[in-house]
Amino acid sequence: MNWNMWLRQIHRWLSMAFTVTVIVNFIAVARGTHADWLGFVALLPLALLLFTGLYLFALPYAAKWRSGGAPG
């Protein structure tokens, strides 16, 4: 498996981890047991999702640029 496939897999698992942390946050708020640190737990997968998502978003443009494709 190449680098891009690994990064896609990591991005998928990070999205699942982020979803779980958000659900846990909602449950904690609904029960009234919300702690401040619990809100910050979701920020780590979200930050990693940002970087992996930006990389994956830029891949087709970088491939087109490397191959010398016409702009537009």
PDB file of N, CA and C in Angstrom:
ATOM      1  N   MET A   1       0.859  -1.179   0.000  1.00  0.00           N
ATOM      2  CA  MET A   1       0.000   0.000   0.000  1.00  0.00           C
ATOM      3  C   MET A   1       0.903   1.239   0.000  1.00  0.00           C
ATOM      4  N   ASN A   2       0.559   2.210  -0.811  1.00  0.00           N
ATOM      5  CA  ASN A   2       1.398   3.400  -0.899  1.00  0.00           C
ATOM      6  C   ASN A   2       1.015   4.449   0.149  1.00  0.00           C
ATOM      7  N   TRP A   3       1.744   5.526   0.152  1.00  0.00           N
ATOM      8  CA  TRP A   3       1.587   6.583   1.155  1.00  0.00           C
ATOM      9  C   TRP A   3       0.193   7.186   1.132  1.00  0.00           C
ATOM     10  N   ASN A   4      -0.344   7.439  -0.035  1.00  0.00           N
ATOM     11  CA  ASN A   4      -1.669   8.066  -0.140  1.00  0.00           C
ATOM     12  C   ASN A   4      -2.770   7.161   0.413  1.00  0.00           C
ATOM     13  N   MET A   5      -2.645   5.868   0.174  1.00  0.00           N
ATOM     14  CA  MET A   5      -3.646   4.936   0.694  1.00  0.00           C
ATOM     15  C   MET A   5      -3.593   4.871   2.220  1.00  0.00           C
ATOM     16  N   TRP A   6      -2.383   4.897   2.775  1.00  0.00           N
ATOM     17  CA  TRP A   6      -2.247   4.917   4.234  1.00  0.00           C
ATOM     18  C   TRP A   6      -2.879   6.173   4.811  1.00  0.00           C
ATOM     19  N   LEU A   7      -2.637   7.288   4.160  1.00  0.00           N
ATOM     20  CA  LEU A   7      -3.183   8.555   4.658  1.00  0.00           C
ATOM     21  C   LEU A   7      -4.710   8.569   4.573  1.00  0.00           C
ATOM     22  N   ARG A   8      -5.269   8.003   3.531  1.00  0.00           N
ATOM     23  CA  ARG A   8      -6.731   7.899   3.427  1.00  0.00           C
ATOM     24  C   ARG A   8      -7.295   7.046   4.551  1.00  0.00           C
ATOM     25  N   GLN A   9      -6.618   5.928   4.852  1.00  0.00           N
ATOM     26  CA  GLN A   9      -7.061   5.053   5.926  1.00  0.00           C
ATOM     27  C   GLN A   9      -6.987   5.766   7.269  1.00  0.00           C
ATOM     28  N   ILE A  10      -5.900   6.485   7.504  1.00  0.00           N
ATOM     29  CA  ILE A  10      -5.743   7.248   8.748  1.00  0.00           C
ATOM     30  C   ILE A  10      -6.841   8.302   8.849  1.00  0.00           C
ATOM     31  N   HIS A  11      -7.133   8.964   7.753  1.00  0.00           N
ATOM     32  CA  HIS A  11      -8.176   9.986   7.732  1.00  0.00           C
ATOM     33  C   HIS A  11      -9.541   9.382   8.081  1.00  0.00           C
ATOM     34  N   ARG A  12      -9.831   8.199   7.553  1.00  0.00           N
ATOM     35  CA  ARG A  12     -11.100   7.536   7.868  1.00  0.00           C
ATOM     36  C   ARG A  12     -11.198   7.182   9.340  1.00  0.00           C
ATOM     37  N   TRP A  13     -10.119   6.633   9.907  1.00  0.00           N
ATOM     38  CA  TRP A  13     -10.143   6.265  11.326  1.00  0.00           C
ATOM     39  C   TRP A  13     -10.221   7.503  12.214  1.00  0.00           C
ATOM     40  N   LEU A  14      -9.547   8.577  11.810  1.00  0.00           N
ATOM     41  CA  LEU A  14      -9.643   9.823  12.580  1.00  0.00           C
ATOM     42  C   LEU A  14     -11.063  10.378  12.557  1.00  0.00           C
ATOM     43  N   SER A  15     -11.739  10.239  11.433  1.00  0.00           N
ATOM     44  CA  SER A  15     -13.112  10.739  11.363  1.00  0.00           C
ATOM     45  C   SER A  15     -14.024   9.952  12.297  1.00  0.00           C
ATOM     46  N   MET A  16     -13.773   8.648  12.410  1.00  0.00           N
ATOM     47  CA  MET A  16     -14.566   7.849  13.349  1.00  0.00           C
ATOM     48  C   MET A  16     -14.255   8.225  14.792  1.00  0.00           C
ATOM     49  N   ALA A  17     -12.990   8.469  15.099  1.00  0.00           N
ATOM     50  CA  ALA A  17     -12.615   8.874  16.451  1.00  0.00           C
ATOM     51  C   ALA A  17     -13.230  10.229  16.795  1.00  0.00           C
ATOM     52  N   PHE A  18     -13.227  11.155  15.845  1.00  0.00           N
ATOM     53  CA  PHE A  18     -13.828  12.460  16.077  1.00  0.00           C
ATOM     54  C   PHE A  18     -15.322  12.336  16.316  1.00  0.00           C
ATOM     55  N   THR A  19     -15.992  11.501  15.528  1.00  0.00           N
ATOM     56  CA  THR A  19     -17.429  11.301  15.696  1.00  0.00           C
ATOM     57  C   THR A  19     -17.749  10.744  17.075  1.00  0.00           C
ATOM     58  N   VAL A  20     -16.963   9.791  17.525  1.00  0.00           N
ATOM     59  CA  VAL A  20     -17.186   9.212  18.856  1.00  0.00           C
ATOM     60  C   VAL A  20     -16.986  10.255  19.944  1.00  0.00           C
ATOM     61  N   THR A  21     -15.952  11.082  19.829  1.00  0.00           N
ATOM     62  CA  THR A  21     -15.721  12.103  20.860  1.00  0.00           C
ATOM     63  C   THR A  21     -16.835  13.140  20.890  1.00  0.00           C
ATOM     64  N   VAL A  22     -17.377  13.474  19.730  1.00  0.00           N
ATOM     65  CA  VAL A  22     -18.494  14.427  19.694  1.00  0.00           C
ATOM     66  C   VAL A  22     -19.738  13.816  20.335  1.00  0.00           C
ATOM     67  N   ILE A  23     -19.996  12.555  20.048  1.00  0.00           N
ATOM     68  CA  ILE A  23     -21.148  11.882  20.656  1.00  0.00           C
ATOM     69  C   ILE A  23     -20.990  11.813  22.170  1.00  0.00           C
ATOM     70  N   VAL A  24     -19.789  11.494  22.638  1.00  0.00           N
ATOM     71  CA  VAL A  24     -19.531  11.463  24.082  1.00  0.00           C
ATOM     72  C   VAL A  24     -19.741  12.836  24.694  1.00  0.00           C
ATOM     73  N   ASN A  25     -19.335  13.884  24.000  1.00  0.00           N
ATOM     74  CA  ASN A  25     -19.559  15.250  24.482  1.00  0.00           C
ATOM     75  C   ASN A  25     -21.045  15.563  24.609  1.00  0.00           C
ATOM     76  N   PHE A  26     -21.817  15.194  23.581  1.00  0.00           N
ATOM     77  CA  PHE A  26     -23.262  15.440  23.637  1.00  0.00           C
ATOM     78  C   PHE A  26     -23.911  14.699  24.795  1.00  0.00           C
ATOM     79  N   ILE A  27     -23.512  13.457  25.003  1.00  0.00           N
ATOM     80  CA  ILE A  27     -24.071  12.677  26.103  1.00  0.00           C
ATOM     81  C   ILE A  27     -23.711  13.300  27.442  1.00  0.00           C
ATOM     82  N   ALA A  28     -22.468  13.746  27.588  1.00  0.00           N
ATOM     83  CA  ALA A  28     -22.036  14.360  28.844  1.00  0.00           C
ATOM     84  C   ALA A  28     -22.783  15.656  29.115  1.00  0.00           C
ATOM     85  N   VAL A  29     -23.013  16.444  28.088  1.00  0.00           N
ATOM     86  CA  VAL A  29     -23.750  17.698  28.266  1.00  0.00           C
ATOM     87  C   VAL A  29     -25.201  17.408  28.631  1.00  0.00           C
ATOM     88  N   ALA A  30     -25.783  16.405  27.984  1.00  0.00           N
ATOM     89  CA  ALA A  30     -27.177  16.065  28.264  1.00  0.00           C
ATOM     90  C   ALA A  30     -27.361  15.544  29.689  1.00  0.00           C
ATOM     91  N   ARG A  31     -26.377  14.821  30.183  1.00  0.00           N
ATOM     92  CA  ARG A  31     -26.460  14.292  31.544  1.00  0.00           C
ATOM     93  C   ARG A  31     -26.057  15.314  32.595  1.00  0.00           C
ATOM     94  N   GLY A  32     -25.439  16.410  32.176  1.00  0.00           N
ATOM     95  CA  GLY A  32     -25.013  17.442  33.117  1.00  0.00           C
ATOM     96  C   GLY A  32     -23.685  17.135  33.784  1.00  0.00           C
ATOM     97  N   THR A  33     -22.930  16.194  33.226  1.00  0.00           N
ATOM     98  CA  THR A  33     -21.632  15.837  33.805  1.00  0.00           C
ATOM     99  C   THR A  33     -20.481  16.305  32.932  1.00  0.00           C
ATOM    100  N   HIS A  34     -20.696  17.365  32.210  1.00  0.00           N
ATOM    101  CA  HIS A  34     -19.694  17.850  31.270  1.00  0.00           C
ATOM    102  C   HIS A  34     -18.509  18.456  32.017  1.00  0.00           C
ATOM    103  N   ALA A  35     -17.313  18.039  31.637  1.00  0.00           N
ATOM    104  CA  ALA A  35     -16.083  18.625  32.161  1.00  0.00           C
ATOM    105  C   ALA A  35     -15.418  19.416  31.034  1.00  0.00           C
ATOM    106  N   ASP A  36     -14.691  20.449  31.398  1.00  0.00           N
ATOM    107  CA  ASP A  36     -14.055  21.282  30.374  1.00  0.00           C
ATOM    108  C   ASP A  36     -13.068  20.492  29.524  1.00  0.00           C
ATOM    109  N   TRP A  37     -12.302  19.594  30.147  1.00  0.00           N
ATOM    110  CA  TRP A  37     -11.301  18.847  29.396  1.00  0.00           C
ATOM    111  C   TRP A  37     -11.944  17.930  28.367  1.00  0.00           C
ATOM    112  N   LEU A  38     -13.161  17.519  28.626  1.00  0.00           N
ATOM    113  CA  LEU A  38     -13.847  16.629  27.696  1.00  0.00           C
ATOM    114  C   LEU A  38     -14.130  17.331  26.366  1.00  0.00           C
ATOM    115  N   GLY A  39     -14.376  18.615  26.428  1.00  0.00           N
ATOM    116  CA  GLY A  39     -14.601  19.367  25.202  1.00  0.00           C
ATOM    117  C   GLY A  39     -13.349  19.499  24.353  1.00  0.00           C
ATOM    118  N   PHE A  40     -12.200  19.468  25.007  1.00  0.00           N
ATOM    119  CA  PHE A  40     -10.939  19.617  24.274  1.00  0.00           C
ATOM    120  C   PHE A  40     -10.432  18.302  23.687  1.00  0.00           C
ATOM    121  N   VAL A  41     -10.976  17.184  24.139  1.00  0.00           N
ATOM    122  CA  VAL A  41     -10.541  15.885  23.624  1.00  0.00           C
ATOM    123  C   VAL A  41     -10.844  15.768  22.131  1.00  0.00           C
ATOM    124  N   ALA A  42     -11.930  16.348  21.687  1.00  0.00           N
ATOM    125  CA  ALA A  42     -12.308  16.261  20.275  1.00  0.00           C
ATOM    126  C   ALA A  42     -11.414  17.111  19.379  1.00  0.00           C
ATOM    127  N   LEU A  43     -10.650  18.016  19.954  1.00  0.00           N
ATOM    128  CA  LEU A  43      -9.833  18.897  19.122  1.00  0.00           C
ATOM    129  C   LEU A  43      -8.622  18.201  18.512  1.00  0.00           C
ATOM    130  N   LEU A  44      -8.091  17.183  19.181  1.00  0.00           N
ATOM    131  CA  LEU A  44      -6.931  16.485  18.621  1.00  0.00           C
ATOM    132  C   LEU A  44      -7.280  15.767  17.317  1.00  0.00           C
ATOM    133  N   PRO A  45      -8.311  14.902  17.290  1.00  0.00           N
ATOM    134  CA  PRO A  45      -8.630  14.293  15.997  1.00  0.00           C
ATOM    135  C   PRO A  45      -9.091  15.316  14.961  1.00  0.00           C
ATOM    136  N   LEU A  46      -9.725  16.393  15.422  1.00  0.00           N
ATOM    137  CA  LEU A  46     -10.166  17.416  14.476  1.00  0.00           C
ATOM    138  C   LEU A  46      -8.977  18.108  13.822  1.00  0.00           C
ATOM    139  N   ALA A  47      -7.949  18.409  14.595  1.00  0.00           N
ATOM    140  CA  ALA A  47      -6.751  19.042  14.031  1.00  0.00           C
ATOM    141  C   ALA A  47      -6.047  18.107  13.052  1.00  0.00           C
ATOM    142  N   LEU A  48      -5.950  16.838  13.418  1.00  0.00           N
ATOM    143  CA  LEU A  48      -5.331  15.877  12.507  1.00  0.00           C
ATOM    144  C   LEU A  48      -6.170  15.685  11.251  1.00  0.00           C
ATOM    145  N   LEU A  49      -7.493  15.723  11.411  1.00  0.00           N
ATOM    146  CA  LEU A  49      -8.373  15.641  10.244  1.00  0.00           C
ATOM    147  C   LEU A  49      -8.166  16.825   9.309  1.00  0.00           C
ATOM    148  N   LEU A  50      -7.921  17.989   9.878  1.00  0.00           N
ATOM    149  CA  LEU A  50      -7.672  19.172   9.057  1.00  0.00           C
ATOM    150  C   LEU A  50      -6.456  18.971   8.172  1.00  0.00           C
ATOM    151  N   PHE A  51      -5.354  18.507   8.766  1.00  0.00           N
ATOM    152  CA  PHE A  51      -4.122  18.363   7.992  1.00  0.00           C
ATOM    153  C   PHE A  51      -4.213  17.234   6.967  1.00  0.00           C
ATOM    154  N   THR A  52      -4.780  16.099   7.358  1.00  0.00           N
ATOM    155  CA  THR A  52      -4.903  15.008   6.393  1.00  0.00           C
ATOM    156  C   THR A  52      -5.908  15.363   5.304  1.00  0.00           C
ATOM    157  N   GLY A  53      -6.971  16.053   5.672  1.00  0.00           N
ATOM    158  CA  GLY A  53      -7.971  16.455   4.683  1.00  0.00           C
ATOM    159  C   GLY A  53      -7.429  17.459   3.685  1.00  0.00           C
ATOM    160  N   LEU A  54      -6.651  18.409   4.154  1.00  0.00           N
ATOM    161  CA  LEU A  54      -6.051  19.374   3.234  1.00  0.00           C
ATOM    162  C   LEU A  54      -5.081  18.701   2.277  1.00  0.00           C
ATOM    163  N   TYR A  55      -4.326  17.741   2.793  1.00  0.00           N
ATOM    164  CA  TYR A  55      -3.405  17.010   1.932  1.00  0.00           C
ATOM    165  C   TYR A  55      -4.178  16.223   0.874  1.00  0.00           C
ATOM    166  N   LEU A  56      -5.201  15.515   1.295  1.00  0.00           N
ATOM    167  CA  LEU A  56      -5.987  14.725   0.350  1.00  0.00           C
ATOM    168  C   LEU A  56      -6.718  15.616  -0.654  1.00  0.00           C
ATOM    169  N   PHE A  57      -7.124  16.790  -0.213  1.00  0.00           N
ATOM    170  CA  PHE A  57      -7.784  17.735  -1.116  1.00  0.00           C
ATOM    171  C   PHE A  57      -6.816  18.229  -2.188  1.00  0.00           C
ATOM    172  N   ALA A  58      -5.565  18.440  -1.813  1.00  0.00           N
ATOM    173  CA  ALA A  58      -4.581  18.997  -2.742  1.00  0.00           C
ATOM    174  C   ALA A  58      -3.983  17.949  -3.683  1.00  0.00           C
ATOM    175  N   LEU A  59      -4.171  16.666  -3.402  1.00  0.00           N
ATOM    176  CA  LEU A  59      -3.553  15.618  -4.226  1.00  0.00           C
ATOM    177  C   LEU A  59      -3.879  15.716  -5.714  1.00  0.00           C
ATOM    178  N   PRO A  60      -5.134  15.844  -6.109  1.00  0.00           N
ATOM    179  CA  PRO A  60      -5.402  15.905  -7.561  1.00  0.00           C
ATOM    180  C   PRO A  60      -4.776  17.126  -8.226  1.00  0.00           C
ATOM    181  N   TYR A  61      -4.748  18.233  -7.517  1.00  0.00           N
ATOM    182  CA  TYR A  61      -4.147  19.444  -8.088  1.00  0.00           C
ATOM    183  C   TYR A  61      -2.640  19.291  -8.224  1.00  0.00           C
ATOM    184  N   ALA A  62      -2.012  18.665  -7.230  1.00  0.00           N
ATOM    185  CA  ALA A  62      -0.569  18.433  -7.305  1.00  0.00           C
ATOM    186  C   ALA A  62      -0.233  17.457  -8.423  1.00  0.00           C
ATOM    187  N   ALA A  63      -1.044  16.437  -8.620  1.00  0.00           N
ATOM    188  CA  ALA A  63      -0.804  15.472  -9.692  1.00  0.00           C
ATOM    189  C   ALA A  63      -0.921  16.148 -11.056  1.00  0.00           C
ATOM    190  N   LYS A  64      -1.923  17.004 -11.195  1.00  0.00           N
ATOM    191  CA  LYS A  64      -2.096  17.724 -12.450  1.00  0.00           C
ATOM    192  C   LYS A  64      -0.920  18.669 -12.695  1.00  0.00           C
ATOM    193  N   TRP A  65      -0.446  19.306 -11.632  1.00  0.00           N
ATOM    194  CA  TRP A  65       0.676  20.237 -11.769  1.00  0.00           C
ATOM    195  C   TRP A  65       1.956  19.495 -12.132  1.00  0.00           C
ATOM    196  N   ARG A  66       2.176  18.317 -11.508  1.00  0.00           N
ATOM    197  CA  ARG A  66       3.374  17.533 -11.787  1.00  0.00           C
ATOM    198  C   ARG A  66       3.368  16.962 -13.206  1.00  0.00           C
ATOM    199  N   SER A  67       2.187  16.615 -13.697  1.00  0.00           N
ATOM    200  CA  SER A  67       2.134  16.028 -15.034  1.00  0.00           C
ATOM    201  C   SER A  67       2.192  17.086 -16.132  1.00  0.00           C
ATOM    202  N   GLY A  68       2.133  18.339 -15.759  1.00  0.00           N
ATOM    203  CA  GLY A  68       2.200  19.413 -16.740  1.00  0.00           C
ATOM    204  C   GLY A  68       0.872  19.668 -17.425  1.00  0.00           C
ATOM    205  N   GLY A  69      -0.213  19.330 -16.745  1.00  0.00           N
ATOM    206  CA  GLY A  69      -1.541  19.523 -17.308  1.00  0.00           C
ATOM    207  C   GLY A  69      -1.859  20.996 -17.507  1.00  0.00           C
ATOM    208  N   ALA A  70      -2.741  21.251 -18.419  1.00  0.00           N
ATOM    209  CA  ALA A  70      -3.150  22.618 -18.712  1.00  0.00           C
ATOM    210  C   ALA A  70      -4.004  23.150 -17.561  1.00  0.00           C
ATOM    211  N   PRO A  71      -3.796  24.401 -17.165  1.00  0.00           N
ATOM    212  CA  PRO A  71      -4.632  24.966 -16.092  1.00  0.00           C
ATOM    213  C   PRO A  71      -6.064  25.157 -16.553  1.00  0.00           C
ATOM    214  N   GLY A  72      -6.966  25.082 -15.559  1.00  0.00           N
ATOM    215  CA  GLY A  72      -8.363  25.343 -15.877  1.00  0.00           C
ATOM    216  C   GLY A  72      -9.075  24.097 -16.071  1.00  0.00           C
TER     217      GLY A  72
END
